[in-house]
Amino acid sequence: MHAGSQGAGWDGSRTASSLILVGGGGDLSMRMLLPSLYLLEADGLLPDALPILAIGRDPDAEGSFRQRVQAGVERALGGKPDEEIWRRFLARLSYIATDATSGEALARLRPAAGERPVVYLAVSPDLYGSICMALEAAGLAGRDSRLALEKPLGRDLASCEAINEAVGAVYAERQVFRVDHYLGKDTVQNLLALRFGNALFEPLWNRLSIDHVQITVAETEGVGERWPYYDRYGALRDMVQNHILQLLCLIAMEPPAEFTPEAVRDQKVKVLRSLRPLEPQEAARGQYVSGALDGANAPAYADERGSPSGTETYVALTARIDNWRWSGVPFYLRTGKRLPERRTEIVVQFRPVPHALFSGELEPNQLVISLQPSEEISLRLMHKAPGLARDGMQVHGLPLRLASASGGRRRIAYERLLLDLIKGDPTLFVRRDEIQAAWRWVDGITQGWEPGSAPDSYAAGTWGPQNASEMIDRDGRRWRD
């Protein structure tokens, strides 16, 4: 479909009449949102004549706005944009310097916004309530409008609910789209296809066949200049409460009766509500100190911050789901900064065969779903070792690649989310009761930490503190490092 033509799949009663980016000159917009919109334009996936209104507070930014957008697009493409596509994209794009907390100021957007504006708040959540009131006063929050909210939505259940209440005073829940960009990744969405589109796995997807599951989000970079934000949230709130728990839900959820937004999200909420409160020995946390990483010295978190802090940069948890499918199957979750490699993966470890018939290293089957740096799914199977042996047939493990990223460029996760937001499809967005259940479980973890206690230390370039290894060792298992 050529950009600028109204393609199949667009419901005129749901499709946005405009996209308003509040914080349109900010870092998220320049790195992710505007490059994603350009790429949707390039693929002909934006609806006819959809204006993109970028809202910022700095009147001096207007002159350099398009140059900054082009720089962001070039980073995403790894080169110059196509001249014709760029021209079409610029025809949609406007920068408006105004105060988004003023209804009077926002009212000037109404002629361009149309009857079904979608507003994306790429600003601090502290401003969400006042911006929503201004949108209502400006006549931009009607029943056919939509609102997208970026994380973090609070730092605990109470602050999250305060934000939800402020937003809910203006927008109905059906109009609110809470963003978790992990849900826009192709490999994350492929979890649903893998589980519910194949007869091979679902009969084995339970406590009888699966020994345990590991979910790892490892990062090599440190906190650096982001420490004022990070110091307020830490690894648990920044990564586990949203991204990792979303992955857990997709792995553990029951099959929905139909592939509709509410049916899918209902099953995810059931998983979160079934999470057992953690025991103290089921949680480990750490903070990186200086160490060697990629052949260079990496500074400690305290040095980056300029003073000591009790914020964790690493957390490992043993999650247990109290339902019939998963009773007795631990889910080991971990995330950290300054780890030896950048890796996001889910490991489904199957139980060993009940009786060993062959010589050699007989390993249990293992399904590895990699999200980054590469996107692929592989299944480790036992295979006859080539050649002859005196003691009979020997076997060893070999990975069978099930899927990898499709040909062509790797999409930015925000492309899928922005497209669904414009269309009005909430399947890949987080519902209010879903985020409530996640915060309730995470609050139980933080409340279980001894007041004033400090996280254990681990050297940059290692796989976290010793207590994380001890946590999984107690169960007779080990991390896939």
Protein backbone atom coordinates (compact mmCIF):
# COMPACT_ATOMS: atom_id res chain seq x y z
CA MET A 1 0.00 0.00 0.00
CA HIS A 2 1.37 3.39 -0.96
CA ALA A 3 1.62 6.00 1.78
CA GLY A 4 -1.17 8.51 1.57
CA SER A 5 -3.76 5.96 0.44
CA GLN A 6 -6.44 4.76 2.83
CA GLY A 7 -5.69 1.01 3.01
CA ALA A 8 -7.69 -1.98 4.09
CA GLY A 9 -7.85 -2.57 7.83
CA TRP A 10 -8.61 1.01 8.81
CA ASP A 11 -11.93 1.42 10.63
CA GLY A 12 -13.09 4.96 9.94
CA SER A 13 -14.97 5.10 13.23
CA ARG A 14 -11.82 4.21 15.21
CA THR A 15 -8.91 5.55 13.20
CA ALA A 16 -7.29 8.65 14.68
CA SER A 17 -7.93 11.98 13.02
CA SER A 18 -4.61 13.30 14.37
CA LEU A 19 -1.65 12.31 16.52
CA ILE A 20 -0.54 14.82 19.14
CA LEU A 21 2.88 14.18 20.70
CA VAL A 22 3.17 16.06 23.99
CA GLY A 23 6.89 16.22 24.62
CA GLY A 24 7.39 16.15 20.87
CA GLY A 25 10.82 17.77 21.12
CA GLY A 26 12.03 15.45 23.88
CA ASP A 27 14.44 12.54 23.88
CA LEU A 28 11.86 9.74 23.49
CA SER A 29 10.19 11.48 20.56
CA MET A 30 13.47 12.10 18.78
CA ARG A 31 14.96 8.64 19.37
CA MET A 32 11.90 6.44 19.01
CA LEU A 33 8.51 7.98 18.26
CA LEU A 34 9.23 10.24 15.29
CA PRO A 35 11.63 7.78 13.58
CA SER A 36 8.97 5.08 14.04
CA LEU A 37 6.35 7.30 12.44
CA TYR A 38 8.66 8.02 9.51
CA LEU A 39 9.18 4.28 9.01
CA LEU A 40 5.42 3.72 9.08
CA GLU A 41 5.15 6.41 6.43
CA ALA A 42 7.81 4.65 4.37
CA ASP A 43 5.88 1.38 4.55
CA GLY A 44 2.60 3.04 3.60
CA LEU A 45 1.00 2.18 6.94
CA LEU A 46 -0.18 5.60 8.08
CA PRO A 47 -3.78 6.58 7.25
CA ASP A 48 -4.65 9.30 4.83
CA ALA A 49 -3.84 12.87 5.84
CA LEU A 50 -3.01 12.06 9.48
CA PRO A 51 -1.43 15.22 10.91
CA ILE A 52 1.34 14.74 13.49
CA LEU A 53 1.43 17.65 15.92
CA ALA A 54 4.57 17.74 18.09
CA ILE A 55 4.04 19.86 21.19
CA GLY A 56 6.94 21.37 23.11
CA ARG A 57 7.50 24.23 25.54
CA ASP A 58 10.61 25.71 23.94
CA PRO A 59 9.77 28.33 21.27
CA ASP A 60 13.41 28.40 20.19
CA ALA A 61 13.30 24.69 19.28
CA GLU A 62 11.04 25.27 16.29
CA GLY A 63 13.86 26.36 14.03
CA SER A 64 15.95 23.24 14.63
CA PHE A 65 13.07 20.79 15.05
CA ARG A 66 13.12 19.27 11.56
CA GLN A 67 16.90 18.95 11.59
CA ARG A 68 16.71 17.05 14.89
CA VAL A 69 13.97 14.80 13.55
CA GLN A 70 16.04 14.07 10.44
CA ALA A 71 19.04 13.19 12.62
CA GLY A 72 16.88 10.73 14.57
CA VAL A 73 15.54 9.17 11.38
CA GLU A 74 19.07 8.84 9.97
CA ARG A 75 20.19 7.03 13.13
CA ALA A 76 17.28 4.62 12.76
CA LEU A 77 17.94 4.04 9.05
CA GLY A 78 21.71 4.08 9.20
CA GLY A 79 21.65 6.56 6.32
CA LYS A 80 19.74 9.33 4.60
CA PRO A 81 15.93 9.12 4.29
CA ASP A 82 14.34 8.75 0.88
CA GLU A 83 13.62 12.25 -0.45
CA GLU A 84 10.05 11.53 -1.55
CA ILE A 85 9.11 9.74 1.68
CA TRP A 86 10.75 12.48 3.73
CA ARG A 87 8.79 15.12 1.86
CA ARG A 88 5.50 13.32 2.53
CA PHE A 89 6.40 12.86 6.17
CA LEU A 90 7.27 16.53 6.66
CA ALA A 91 3.92 17.48 5.10
CA ARG A 92 2.25 15.73 8.06
CA LEU A 93 4.56 17.08 10.76
CA SER A 94 4.27 20.33 12.69
CA TYR A 95 6.03 21.64 15.78
CA ILE A 96 3.94 23.82 18.08
CA ALA A 97 5.50 25.59 21.03
CA THR A 98 2.85 25.85 23.73
CA ASP A 99 2.02 25.02 27.33
CA ALA A 100 0.36 21.59 27.40
CA THR A 101 -1.03 22.25 30.89
CA SER A 102 -3.09 25.20 29.64
CA GLY A 103 -6.52 24.52 28.15
CA GLU A 104 -6.53 27.92 26.50
CA ALA A 105 -3.18 27.23 24.83
CA LEU A 106 -4.18 23.76 23.63
CA ALA A 107 -7.48 25.00 22.20
CA ARG A 108 -5.61 26.34 19.18
CA LEU A 109 -4.96 22.72 18.14
CA ARG A 110 -8.63 21.87 17.70
CA PRO A 111 -8.98 22.69 13.97
CA ALA A 112 -6.06 20.41 13.06
CA ALA A 113 -6.85 17.73 15.68
CA GLY A 114 -10.24 16.69 14.35
CA GLU A 115 -12.85 14.63 16.18
CA ARG A 116 -10.68 11.62 17.09
CA PRO A 117 -7.34 12.97 18.29
CA VAL A 118 -4.84 10.59 19.84
CA VAL A 119 -2.62 12.25 22.43
CA TYR A 120 0.70 10.61 23.32
CA LEU A 121 2.17 11.86 26.61
CA ALA A 122 5.96 11.57 26.29
CA VAL A 123 6.56 13.70 29.39
CA SER A 124 6.94 13.16 33.12
CA PRO A 125 3.98 11.30 34.67
CA ASP A 126 3.83 14.08 37.26
CA LEU A 127 2.24 16.20 34.51
CA TYR A 128 -0.36 13.68 33.35
CA GLY A 129 -3.19 14.95 35.53
CA SER A 130 -2.78 18.63 34.67
CA ILE A 131 -2.36 17.88 30.96
CA CYS A 132 -5.54 15.77 30.94
CA MET A 133 -7.51 18.59 32.52
CA ALA A 134 -6.11 21.00 29.94
CA LEU A 135 -7.04 18.64 27.10
CA GLU A 136 -10.59 18.44 28.45
CA ALA A 137 -10.81 22.21 28.75
CA ALA A 138 -9.55 22.55 25.18
CA GLY A 139 -12.20 20.17 23.84
CA LEU A 140 -9.59 17.55 22.86
CA ALA A 141 -10.70 14.80 25.26
CA GLY A 142 -14.05 13.80 23.75
CA ARG A 143 -15.47 10.29 23.82
CA ASP A 144 -13.74 9.36 20.54
CA SER A 145 -10.29 10.56 21.60
CA ARG A 146 -7.51 8.37 23.00
CA LEU A 147 -4.60 8.88 25.38
CA ALA A 148 -1.27 7.02 25.46
CA LEU A 149 0.74 7.01 28.69
CA GLU A 150 4.45 6.26 28.93
CA LYS A 151 6.01 4.59 31.95
CA PRO A 152 6.84 4.93 34.76
CA LEU A 153 3.29 5.05 36.12
CA GLY A 154 4.27 5.76 39.71
CA ARG A 155 6.82 4.01 41.90
CA ASP A 156 4.33 1.96 43.93
CA LEU A 157 0.65 1.05 43.88
CA ALA A 158 -0.43 4.20 45.72
CA SER A 159 1.35 6.62 43.37
CA CYS A 160 0.26 4.60 40.33
CA GLU A 161 -3.36 4.82 41.45
CA ALA A 162 -3.03 8.56 42.00
CA ILE A 163 -1.99 8.93 38.35
CA ASN A 164 -4.75 6.59 37.17
CA GLU A 165 -7.34 8.53 39.15
CA ALA A 166 -6.18 11.83 37.68
CA VAL A 167 -6.30 10.42 34.15
CA GLY A 168 -9.57 8.60 34.82
CA ALA A 169 -11.27 11.83 35.86
CA VAL A 170 -11.07 12.86 32.18
CA TYR A 171 -10.70 9.67 30.12
CA ALA A 172 -12.67 6.42 30.34
CA GLU A 173 -10.56 3.28 30.71
CA ARG A 174 -11.34 2.21 27.12
CA GLN A 175 -9.65 5.42 25.93
CA VAL A 176 -6.40 4.92 27.88
CA PHE A 177 -3.47 3.07 26.27
CA ARG A 178 -0.61 2.38 28.72
CA VAL A 179 2.61 1.76 26.82
CA ASP A 180 5.12 -0.99 27.52
CA HIS A 181 7.43 -0.94 24.51
CA TYR A 182 8.46 -4.59 25.05
CA LEU A 183 5.00 -5.59 23.85
CA GLY A 184 5.77 -4.00 20.48
CA LYS A 185 8.72 -6.33 19.82
CA ASP A 186 8.07 -8.96 17.15
CA THR A 187 9.64 -11.71 19.23
CA VAL A 188 7.46 -10.88 22.24
CA GLN A 189 4.33 -11.02 20.10
CA ASN A 190 5.63 -14.27 18.64
CA LEU A 191 5.27 -15.84 22.09
CA LEU A 192 1.52 -15.93 21.47
CA ALA A 193 1.96 -17.48 18.03
CA LEU A 194 4.47 -19.99 19.36
CA ARG A 195 2.20 -21.13 22.17
CA PHE A 196 -1.24 -20.96 20.62
CA GLY A 197 -0.49 -21.51 16.94
CA ASN A 198 1.32 -24.83 17.33
CA ALA A 199 0.03 -28.19 18.55
CA LEU A 200 3.59 -29.16 19.51
CA PHE A 201 4.05 -27.06 22.64
CA GLU A 202 0.74 -26.50 24.36
CA PRO A 203 0.29 -30.11 25.61
CA LEU A 204 3.74 -29.83 27.24
CA TRP A 205 3.29 -26.29 28.56
CA ASN A 206 2.67 -27.18 32.21
CA ARG A 207 4.16 -28.46 35.46
CA LEU A 208 4.32 -32.06 34.19
CA SER A 209 6.84 -31.27 31.44
CA ILE A 210 8.53 -27.98 32.42
CA ASP A 211 11.07 -27.90 35.24
CA HIS A 212 11.52 -24.13 35.47
CA VAL A 213 11.62 -20.91 33.44
CA GLN A 214 14.29 -18.19 33.42
CA ILE A 215 13.73 -14.63 32.21
CA THR A 216 16.85 -12.48 31.89
CA VAL A 217 17.21 -8.83 30.90
CA ALA A 218 20.94 -8.09 31.05
CA GLU A 219 22.51 -4.76 30.11
CA THR A 220 26.17 -3.89 29.73
CA GLU A 221 25.79 -0.14 30.12
CA GLY A 222 25.64 1.58 33.47
CA VAL A 223 23.22 4.19 34.69
CA GLY A 224 25.50 7.11 33.85
CA GLU A 225 23.78 10.49 33.59
CA ARG A 226 20.35 8.90 34.05
CA TRP A 227 21.05 8.39 37.75
CA PRO A 228 18.55 11.04 39.00
CA TYR A 229 15.73 9.03 37.40
CA TYR A 230 17.19 5.62 38.13
CA ASP A 231 17.97 6.39 41.76
CA ARG A 232 14.28 6.94 42.38
CA TYR A 233 13.18 3.64 40.85
CA GLY A 234 15.96 1.07 40.77
CA ALA A 235 16.05 -2.20 38.84
CA LEU A 236 12.93 -3.68 40.44
CA ARG A 237 10.59 -0.81 39.57
CA ASP A 238 12.30 0.13 36.31
CA MET A 239 12.39 -3.33 34.70
CA VAL A 240 10.61 -6.04 36.68
CA GLN A 241 7.29 -4.28 37.36
CA ASN A 242 6.64 -3.74 33.67
CA HIS A 243 8.84 -5.44 31.06
CA ILE A 244 9.73 -8.67 32.87
CA LEU A 245 6.28 -9.23 34.31
CA GLN A 246 4.78 -8.75 30.84
CA LEU A 247 7.07 -11.48 29.51
CA LEU A 248 6.09 -13.69 32.44
CA CYS A 249 2.40 -13.19 31.66
CA LEU A 250 2.78 -14.15 28.00
CA ILE A 251 4.70 -17.30 28.93
CA ALA A 252 2.35 -18.35 31.75
CA MET A 253 -1.13 -17.22 30.64
CA GLU A 254 -3.94 -19.60 29.76
CA PRO A 255 -5.14 -19.74 26.15
CA PRO A 256 -7.74 -17.00 25.61
CA ALA A 257 -11.08 -18.06 24.17
CA GLU A 258 -10.53 -15.65 21.27
CA PHE A 259 -7.82 -13.27 20.11
CA THR A 260 -9.46 -10.06 21.24
CA PRO A 261 -7.98 -7.30 23.42
CA GLU A 262 -10.05 -8.07 26.51
CA ALA A 263 -9.72 -11.85 26.23
CA VAL A 264 -5.91 -11.62 26.02
CA ARG A 265 -5.61 -9.08 28.82
CA ASP A 266 -8.01 -10.99 31.08
CA GLN A 267 -5.65 -13.98 31.00
CA LYS A 268 -2.60 -11.83 31.75
CA VAL A 269 -4.31 -10.35 34.81
CA LYS A 270 -5.08 -13.85 36.09
CA VAL A 271 -1.36 -14.67 36.05
CA LEU A 272 -0.45 -11.55 38.01
CA ARG A 273 -3.14 -12.23 40.58
CA SER A 274 -1.83 -15.78 41.00
CA LEU A 275 1.72 -14.70 41.87
CA ARG A 276 2.62 -15.87 45.35
CA PRO A 277 4.18 -13.28 47.70
CA LEU A 278 7.94 -13.79 47.87
CA GLU A 279 9.82 -15.18 50.85
CA PRO A 280 12.94 -13.20 51.85
CA GLN A 281 15.29 -15.86 50.46
CA GLU A 282 13.53 -15.66 47.07
CA ALA A 283 14.83 -12.16 46.32
CA ALA A 284 18.38 -10.94 45.75
CA ARG A 285 19.55 -7.45 44.93
CA GLY A 286 22.86 -5.85 44.13
CA GLN A 287 24.63 -2.68 43.07
CA TYR A 288 27.63 -2.59 40.75
CA VAL A 289 31.04 -1.42 41.90
CA SER A 290 33.95 -0.71 39.58
CA GLY A 291 35.24 -3.55 37.45
CA ALA A 292 36.46 -4.56 34.01
CA LEU A 293 33.96 -4.64 31.16
CA ASP A 294 34.86 -5.08 27.49
CA GLY A 295 38.52 -4.55 28.28
CA ALA A 296 37.99 -1.20 29.99
CA ASN A 297 37.45 -0.07 33.56
CA ALA A 298 33.79 0.64 34.38
CA PRO A 299 33.05 3.00 37.28
CA ALA A 300 30.87 2.12 40.26
CA TYR A 301 27.28 3.32 40.49
CA ALA A 302 28.20 5.39 43.54
CA ASP A 303 30.91 7.15 41.49
CA GLU A 304 28.47 7.93 38.67
CA ARG A 305 25.99 9.24 41.21
CA GLY A 306 28.62 11.17 43.17
CA SER A 307 27.71 9.63 46.53
CA PRO A 308 26.63 6.29 48.05
CA SER A 309 23.09 5.08 47.44
CA GLY A 310 20.87 2.20 48.52
CA THR A 311 19.38 1.81 45.02
CA GLU A 312 19.67 -1.64 43.46
CA THR A 313 21.06 -1.94 39.93
CA TYR A 314 20.45 -5.70 39.91
CA VAL A 315 17.61 -7.85 41.14
CA ALA A 316 16.90 -11.58 40.96
CA LEU A 317 13.62 -13.13 42.07
CA THR A 318 12.01 -16.56 42.34
CA ALA A 319 8.41 -16.10 41.26
CA ARG A 320 5.85 -18.83 41.88
CA ILE A 321 2.41 -18.99 40.25
CA ASP A 322 -0.25 -20.65 42.37
CA ASN A 323 -2.50 -22.30 39.83
CA TRP A 324 -3.01 -25.79 38.41
CA ARG A 325 -0.79 -25.30 35.35
CA TRP A 326 2.28 -23.93 37.13
CA SER A 327 2.18 -25.21 40.72
CA GLY A 328 5.72 -26.19 41.71
CA VAL A 329 7.40 -24.58 38.67
CA PRO A 330 9.68 -21.67 39.67
CA PHE A 331 10.11 -18.67 37.38
CA TYR A 332 13.55 -17.15 37.93
CA LEU A 333 13.63 -13.46 36.99
CA ARG A 334 16.74 -11.28 36.84
CA THR A 335 17.85 -7.96 35.45
CA GLY A 336 20.90 -5.80 35.96
CA LYS A 337 23.22 -3.10 34.74
CA ARG A 338 26.95 -3.54 33.94
CA LEU A 339 26.61 -7.26 33.26
CA PRO A 340 29.02 -9.10 30.93
CA GLU A 341 26.75 -9.02 27.87
CA ARG A 342 23.59 -7.43 26.57
CA ARG A 343 20.96 -10.14 26.50
CA THR A 344 17.19 -10.44 26.83
CA GLU A 345 15.94 -13.99 26.73
CA ILE A 346 13.42 -16.48 28.07
CA VAL A 347 14.62 -20.01 28.81
CA VAL A 348 12.02 -22.77 29.20
CA GLN A 349 13.79 -25.72 30.79
CA PHE A 350 11.97 -29.01 30.28
CA ARG A 351 12.23 -31.94 32.66
CA PRO A 352 14.74 -34.72 31.88
CA VAL A 353 13.65 -37.96 30.27
CA PRO A 354 12.59 -40.51 32.91
CA HIS A 355 15.22 -43.10 31.95
CA ALA A 356 18.62 -42.69 30.25
CA LEU A 357 19.08 -45.17 27.37
CA PHE A 358 22.19 -43.71 25.76
CA SER A 359 25.73 -42.79 26.76
CA GLY A 360 27.06 -39.26 26.50
CA GLU A 361 25.77 -36.08 28.04
CA LEU A 362 22.02 -36.48 28.12
CA GLU A 363 20.60 -32.99 28.61
CA PRO A 364 16.97 -31.98 29.17
CA ASN A 365 15.35 -30.16 26.23
CA GLN A 366 15.58 -26.41 26.45
CA LEU A 367 13.62 -23.75 24.55
CA VAL A 368 15.46 -20.43 24.30
CA ILE A 369 13.57 -17.36 23.11
CA SER A 370 16.01 -14.51 22.42
CA LEU A 371 14.77 -10.94 22.14
CA GLN A 372 18.08 -9.09 21.96
CA PRO A 373 20.68 -8.55 20.68
CA SER A 374 19.37 -11.06 18.12
CA GLU A 375 15.78 -12.19 17.67
CA GLU A 376 15.48 -15.94 17.37
CA ILE A 377 13.86 -19.00 18.90
CA SER A 378 15.75 -22.27 19.25
CA LEU A 379 15.01 -25.65 20.78
CA ARG A 380 17.85 -27.76 22.12
CA LEU A 381 17.31 -31.41 21.22
CA MET A 382 19.34 -34.54 21.85
CA HIS A 383 21.02 -35.84 18.71
CA LYS A 384 23.21 -38.83 17.89
CA ALA A 385 26.86 -37.91 17.93
CA PRO A 386 28.43 -38.52 14.51
CA GLY A 387 30.82 -41.42 14.06
CA LEU A 388 31.32 -44.74 15.87
CA ALA A 389 31.93 -45.49 19.52
CA ARG A 390 32.83 -48.69 21.37
CA ASP A 391 30.20 -48.22 24.06
CA GLY A 392 27.16 -47.89 21.80
CA MET A 393 25.27 -44.88 20.52
CA GLN A 394 26.22 -41.57 22.07
CA VAL A 395 24.06 -38.46 22.03
CA HIS A 396 24.68 -34.79 22.55
CA GLY A 397 22.64 -31.60 22.48
CA LEU A 398 22.17 -29.51 19.36
CA PRO A 399 20.02 -26.39 18.90
CA LEU A 400 17.23 -26.50 16.35
CA ARG A 401 16.42 -23.01 15.20
CA LEU A 402 12.66 -22.55 15.06
CA ALA A 403 12.46 -18.93 14.00
CA SER A 404 14.46 -15.78 13.59
CA ALA A 405 13.72 -12.21 12.71
CA SER A 406 12.16 -12.01 9.27
CA GLY A 407 14.09 -10.65 6.33
CA GLY A 408 14.63 -6.94 5.97
CA ARG A 409 15.21 -4.37 8.64
CA ARG A 410 14.54 -4.93 12.29
CA ARG A 411 11.54 -2.90 13.33
CA ILE A 412 11.46 -0.46 16.21
CA ALA A 413 9.01 -1.76 18.82
CA TYR A 414 7.19 1.57 18.83
CA GLU A 415 6.16 1.12 15.19
CA ARG A 416 3.70 -1.63 16.11
CA LEU A 417 2.42 0.25 19.15
CA LEU A 418 1.91 3.53 17.30
CA LEU A 419 0.11 1.74 14.49
CA ASP A 420 -2.24 0.01 16.96
CA LEU A 421 -2.77 3.26 18.84
CA ILE A 422 -3.80 5.04 15.65
CA LYS A 423 -6.12 2.15 14.73
CA GLY A 424 -7.55 1.92 18.26
CA ASP A 425 -6.45 -1.67 19.03
CA PRO A 426 -5.56 -1.99 22.76
CA THR A 427 -4.34 -5.63 22.72
CA LEU A 428 -0.65 -4.74 23.23
CA PHE A 429 -1.31 -2.09 25.87
CA VAL A 430 -1.62 -2.50 29.63
CA ARG A 431 -4.99 -2.31 31.34
CA ARG A 432 -5.53 -0.57 34.67
CA ASP A 433 -6.22 -3.72 36.70
CA GLU A 434 -3.17 -5.31 35.11
CA ILE A 435 -0.79 -2.59 36.26
CA GLN A 436 -2.46 -2.58 39.69
CA ALA A 437 -1.81 -6.31 40.13
CA ALA A 438 1.83 -5.90 39.03
CA TRP A 439 2.44 -3.06 41.49
CA ARG A 440 0.75 -4.97 44.31
CA TRP A 441 3.19 -7.86 43.89
CA VAL A 442 6.23 -5.58 43.53
CA ASP A 443 5.22 -3.58 46.62
CA GLY A 444 5.25 -6.82 48.58
CA ILE A 445 8.89 -7.34 47.58
CA THR A 446 10.06 -3.86 48.56
CA GLN A 447 8.17 -4.05 51.85
CA GLY A 448 9.98 -7.33 52.58
CA TRP A 449 13.39 -5.71 52.27
CA GLU A 450 14.83 -4.80 55.63
CA PRO A 451 14.53 -1.03 56.14
CA GLY A 452 17.86 0.69 55.65
CA SER A 453 19.54 -2.43 54.29
CA ALA A 454 21.91 -1.99 51.36
CA PRO A 455 22.10 -4.13 48.23
CA ASP A 456 25.05 -6.50 47.92
CA SER A 457 27.95 -5.44 45.71
CA TYR A 458 28.97 -7.01 42.43
CA ALA A 459 31.83 -6.02 40.16
CA ALA A 460 30.98 -4.51 36.78
CA GLY A 461 31.45 -7.19 34.14
CA THR A 462 30.17 -10.04 36.33
CA TRP A 463 26.78 -11.74 36.45
CA GLY A 464 25.58 -10.08 39.63
CA PRO A 465 26.00 -10.60 43.37
CA GLN A 466 26.72 -13.95 44.98
CA ASN A 467 23.32 -14.03 46.68
CA ALA A 468 21.63 -14.29 43.26
CA SER A 469 23.54 -17.49 42.53
CA GLU A 470 22.80 -18.81 46.00
CA MET A 471 19.08 -18.15 45.48
CA ILE A 472 18.84 -20.47 42.47
CA ASP A 473 21.46 -22.93 43.80
CA ARG A 474 19.24 -23.68 46.78
CA ASP A 475 16.70 -25.12 44.33
CA GLY A 476 19.34 -27.32 42.68
CA ARG A 477 19.36 -25.23 39.49
CA ARG A 478 21.71 -22.70 37.89
CA TRP A 479 21.48 -19.62 35.72
CA ARG A 480 22.06 -19.93 31.99
CA ASP A 481 25.10 -17.67 31.82
